[in-house]
C-alpha cells in the first residue's frame, strides 16, 4: 500500500514576465519514510529548478488511493464516506476516506472518481470535491533486479 508524503519545495521561480518570485509549491511523493520522501523530492525536482531550492516541509497525508488520468493537469481531493451497517445495533456507520483524482476540471474529477469506483461493493457517498494546490505526484520507483552477468 502506498504511503504518500506532501513535500513543500521553496525556490525562486521565474515568472512569464521575467520577474523572479519566491514560491512554495506542494508535491506528493510515494515513500516509506520522511527521509526517503525528502530525498525523492530533491531527486525529482533538481532537473526542473535552476538555482537553489529547499524542502520546506514534509508531512504524511491521509490519502487512501489515487485515480490517475494522464491527460489531465490538476489534482482534486475527493472525500468519500463509505456507509456500513452495524449488524448488532442496526446503526449506520460512515467511514470517510480521501482519494486524490487527476482531472482537467471539476466535472472530469467526478467522472474519473466514479469510473475508479466501478465494481465497489460498498455503498458510498461523495462528501466533497476540492481542487488542491498540488503541482505533481511522484509514484514509487520500483527498481528491477536484473541479474549481474556471471552471478546467475
Protein backbone atom coordinates (compact mmCIF):
# COMPACT_ATOMS: atom_id res chain seq x y z
CA UNK A 1 0.00 0.00 0.00
CA UNK A 2 1.36 3.40 -0.95
CA UNK A 3 2.26 5.91 1.72
CA UNK A 4 2.01 9.46 0.39
CA UNK A 5 4.01 12.39 1.73
CA UNK A 6 3.38 16.03 0.84
CA UNK A 7 6.65 17.87 0.28
CA UNK A 8 6.77 21.66 0.00
CA UNK A 9 9.60 22.93 -2.18
CA UNK A 10 10.74 26.54 -1.72
CA UNK A 11 12.59 28.24 -4.59
CA UNK A 12 12.84 31.34 -6.79
CA UNK A 13 10.58 30.90 -9.83
CA UNK A 14 10.97 33.00 -12.98
CA UNK A 15 7.54 34.35 -13.97
CA UNK A 16 6.29 34.73 -17.56
CA UNK A 17 7.06 38.46 -17.46
CA UNK A 18 10.68 37.74 -16.45
CA UNK A 19 10.39 38.72 -12.79
CA UNK A 20 11.55 36.40 -10.03
CA UNK A 21 9.11 35.33 -7.33
CA UNK A 22 9.72 33.18 -4.26
CA UNK A 23 7.30 30.23 -4.30
CA UNK A 24 6.48 27.35 -2.00
CA UNK A 25 4.95 24.55 -4.11
CA UNK A 26 3.50 21.27 -2.79
CA UNK A 27 4.26 17.90 -4.40
CA UNK A 28 3.26 14.35 -3.44
CA UNK A 29 5.81 11.56 -3.16
CA UNK A 30 5.30 7.84 -2.51
CA UNK A 31 7.91 6.91 0.10
CA UNK A 32 8.48 4.71 3.14
CA UNK A 33 9.80 7.44 5.45
CA UNK A 34 10.16 11.20 5.82
CA UNK A 35 13.86 10.90 4.93
CA UNK A 36 13.12 8.96 1.75
CA UNK A 37 10.38 11.45 0.80
CA UNK A 38 12.80 14.37 1.14
CA UNK A 39 15.49 12.57 -0.87
CA UNK A 40 13.00 11.63 -3.59
CA UNK A 41 11.61 15.17 -4.00
CA UNK A 42 15.14 16.58 -4.23
CA UNK A 43 15.96 13.97 -6.89
CA UNK A 44 12.75 14.67 -8.84
CA UNK A 45 12.96 18.47 -8.71
CA UNK A 46 16.69 19.01 -9.35
CA UNK A 47 16.36 18.82 -13.17
CA UNK A 48 13.49 21.35 -13.23
CA UNK A 49 14.72 24.07 -10.87
CA UNK A 50 17.66 26.28 -11.74
CA UNK A 51 19.39 27.72 -8.70
CA UNK A 52 18.97 26.90 -5.07
CA UNK A 53 15.88 25.32 -3.59
CA UNK A 54 14.98 23.77 -0.28
CA UNK A 55 12.45 21.31 1.04
CA UNK A 56 10.49 23.50 3.45
CA UNK A 57 8.23 20.77 4.87
CA UNK A 58 7.44 17.07 4.63
CA UNK A 59 4.23 15.68 6.08
CA UNK A 60 2.36 12.39 5.88
CA UNK A 61 -1.03 12.56 4.16
CA UNK A 62 -4.22 10.56 4.69
CA UNK A 63 -4.72 9.79 1.01
CA UNK A 64 -6.16 6.29 0.67
CA UNK A 65 -5.89 5.99 -3.10
CA UNK A 66 -5.09 7.92 -6.28
CA UNK A 67 -7.09 7.73 -9.51
CA UNK A 68 -4.83 8.68 -12.43
CA UNK A 69 -5.76 10.43 -15.68
CA UNK A 70 -2.53 11.06 -17.60
CA UNK A 71 -4.14 13.63 -19.90
CA UNK A 72 -5.08 15.94 -17.02
CA UNK A 73 -3.06 18.62 -15.26
CA UNK A 74 -4.88 19.29 -11.98
CA UNK A 75 -5.40 17.35 -8.76
CA UNK A 76 -8.70 17.12 -6.88
CA UNK A 77 -9.29 15.74 -3.38
CA UNK A 78 -12.46 13.69 -3.14
CA UNK A 79 -13.77 12.99 0.35
CA UNK A 80 -15.94 9.90 0.22
CA UNK A 81 -17.98 8.36 3.02
CA UNK A 82 -18.29 4.58 2.92
CA UNK A 83 -21.55 3.51 4.52
CA UNK A 84 -21.76 0.30 6.53
CA UNK A 85 -24.45 -1.10 8.78
CA UNK A 86 -23.60 -2.42 12.24
CA UNK A 87 -25.46 -5.74 12.37
CA UNK A 88 -25.77 -5.81 16.17
CA UNK A 89 -27.15 -2.29 16.69
CA UNK A 90 -28.55 -1.67 13.19
CA UNK A 91 -26.80 1.71 13.22
CA UNK A 92 -25.43 3.18 10.01
CA UNK A 93 -21.69 3.89 10.23
CA UNK A 94 -19.82 6.27 7.92
CA UNK A 95 -16.08 5.99 7.34
CA UNK A 96 -14.55 8.93 5.47
CA UNK A 97 -11.61 8.40 3.10
CA UNK A 98 -9.64 10.82 0.95
CA UNK A 99 -8.98 9.93 -2.67
CA UNK A 100 -6.83 12.08 -4.94
CA UNK A 101 -8.07 12.36 -8.52
CA UNK A 102 -6.16 13.69 -11.51
CA UNK A 103 -8.50 15.62 -13.80
CA UNK A 104 -8.72 18.68 -16.03
CA UNK A 105 -11.80 20.19 -14.35
CA UNK A 106 -14.37 19.57 -11.61
CA UNK A 107 -16.73 17.52 -13.77
CA UNK A 108 -13.88 15.35 -15.07
CA UNK A 109 -12.78 14.80 -11.45
CA UNK A 110 -16.21 13.44 -10.56
CA UNK A 111 -16.31 11.28 -13.71
CA UNK A 112 -12.79 9.89 -13.07
CA UNK A 113 -13.70 9.17 -9.46
CA UNK A 114 -16.92 7.36 -10.41
CA UNK A 115 -15.03 5.34 -13.05
CA UNK A 116 -12.44 4.36 -10.43
CA UNK A 117 -15.18 3.27 -8.02
CA UNK A 118 -16.89 0.95 -10.53
CA UNK A 119 -17.19 -2.52 -9.10
CA UNK A 120 -17.04 -1.33 -5.49
CA UNK A 121 -19.36 -3.42 -3.39
CA UNK A 122 -19.69 -0.84 -0.58
CA UNK A 123 -22.26 1.91 -0.53
CA UNK A 124 -20.59 5.31 -0.64
CA UNK A 125 -21.45 8.98 -0.84
CA UNK A 126 -19.27 11.80 -2.17
CA UNK A 127 -18.91 14.32 0.67
CA UNK A 128 -16.82 16.92 -1.18
CA UNK A 129 -14.54 17.55 -4.14
CA UNK A 130 -11.95 20.33 -3.94
CA UNK A 131 -9.10 21.37 -6.19
CA UNK A 132 -5.72 21.05 -4.49
CA UNK A 133 -2.59 23.18 -4.97
CA UNK A 134 -0.51 20.01 -5.62
CA UNK A 135 1.79 20.56 -8.58
CA UNK A 136 2.71 16.94 -9.34
CA UNK A 137 2.66 13.41 -7.89
CA UNK A 138 5.63 11.05 -8.00
CA UNK A 139 4.95 7.31 -7.76
CA UNK A 140 7.40 4.92 -6.15
CA UNK A 141 10.28 3.96 -8.38
CA UNK A 142 10.49 0.21 -8.15
CA UNK A 143 13.94 -0.93 -9.14
CA UNK A 144 14.01 -4.08 -11.19
CA UNK A 145 16.51 -6.64 -10.05
CA UNK A 146 18.49 -7.50 -13.15
CA UNK A 147 20.91 -10.38 -12.88
CA UNK A 148 24.57 -9.45 -12.84
CA UNK A 149 26.47 -11.30 -15.62
CA UNK A 150 28.32 -14.26 -14.16
CA UNK A 151 26.24 -14.30 -10.94
CA UNK A 152 23.16 -16.16 -12.20
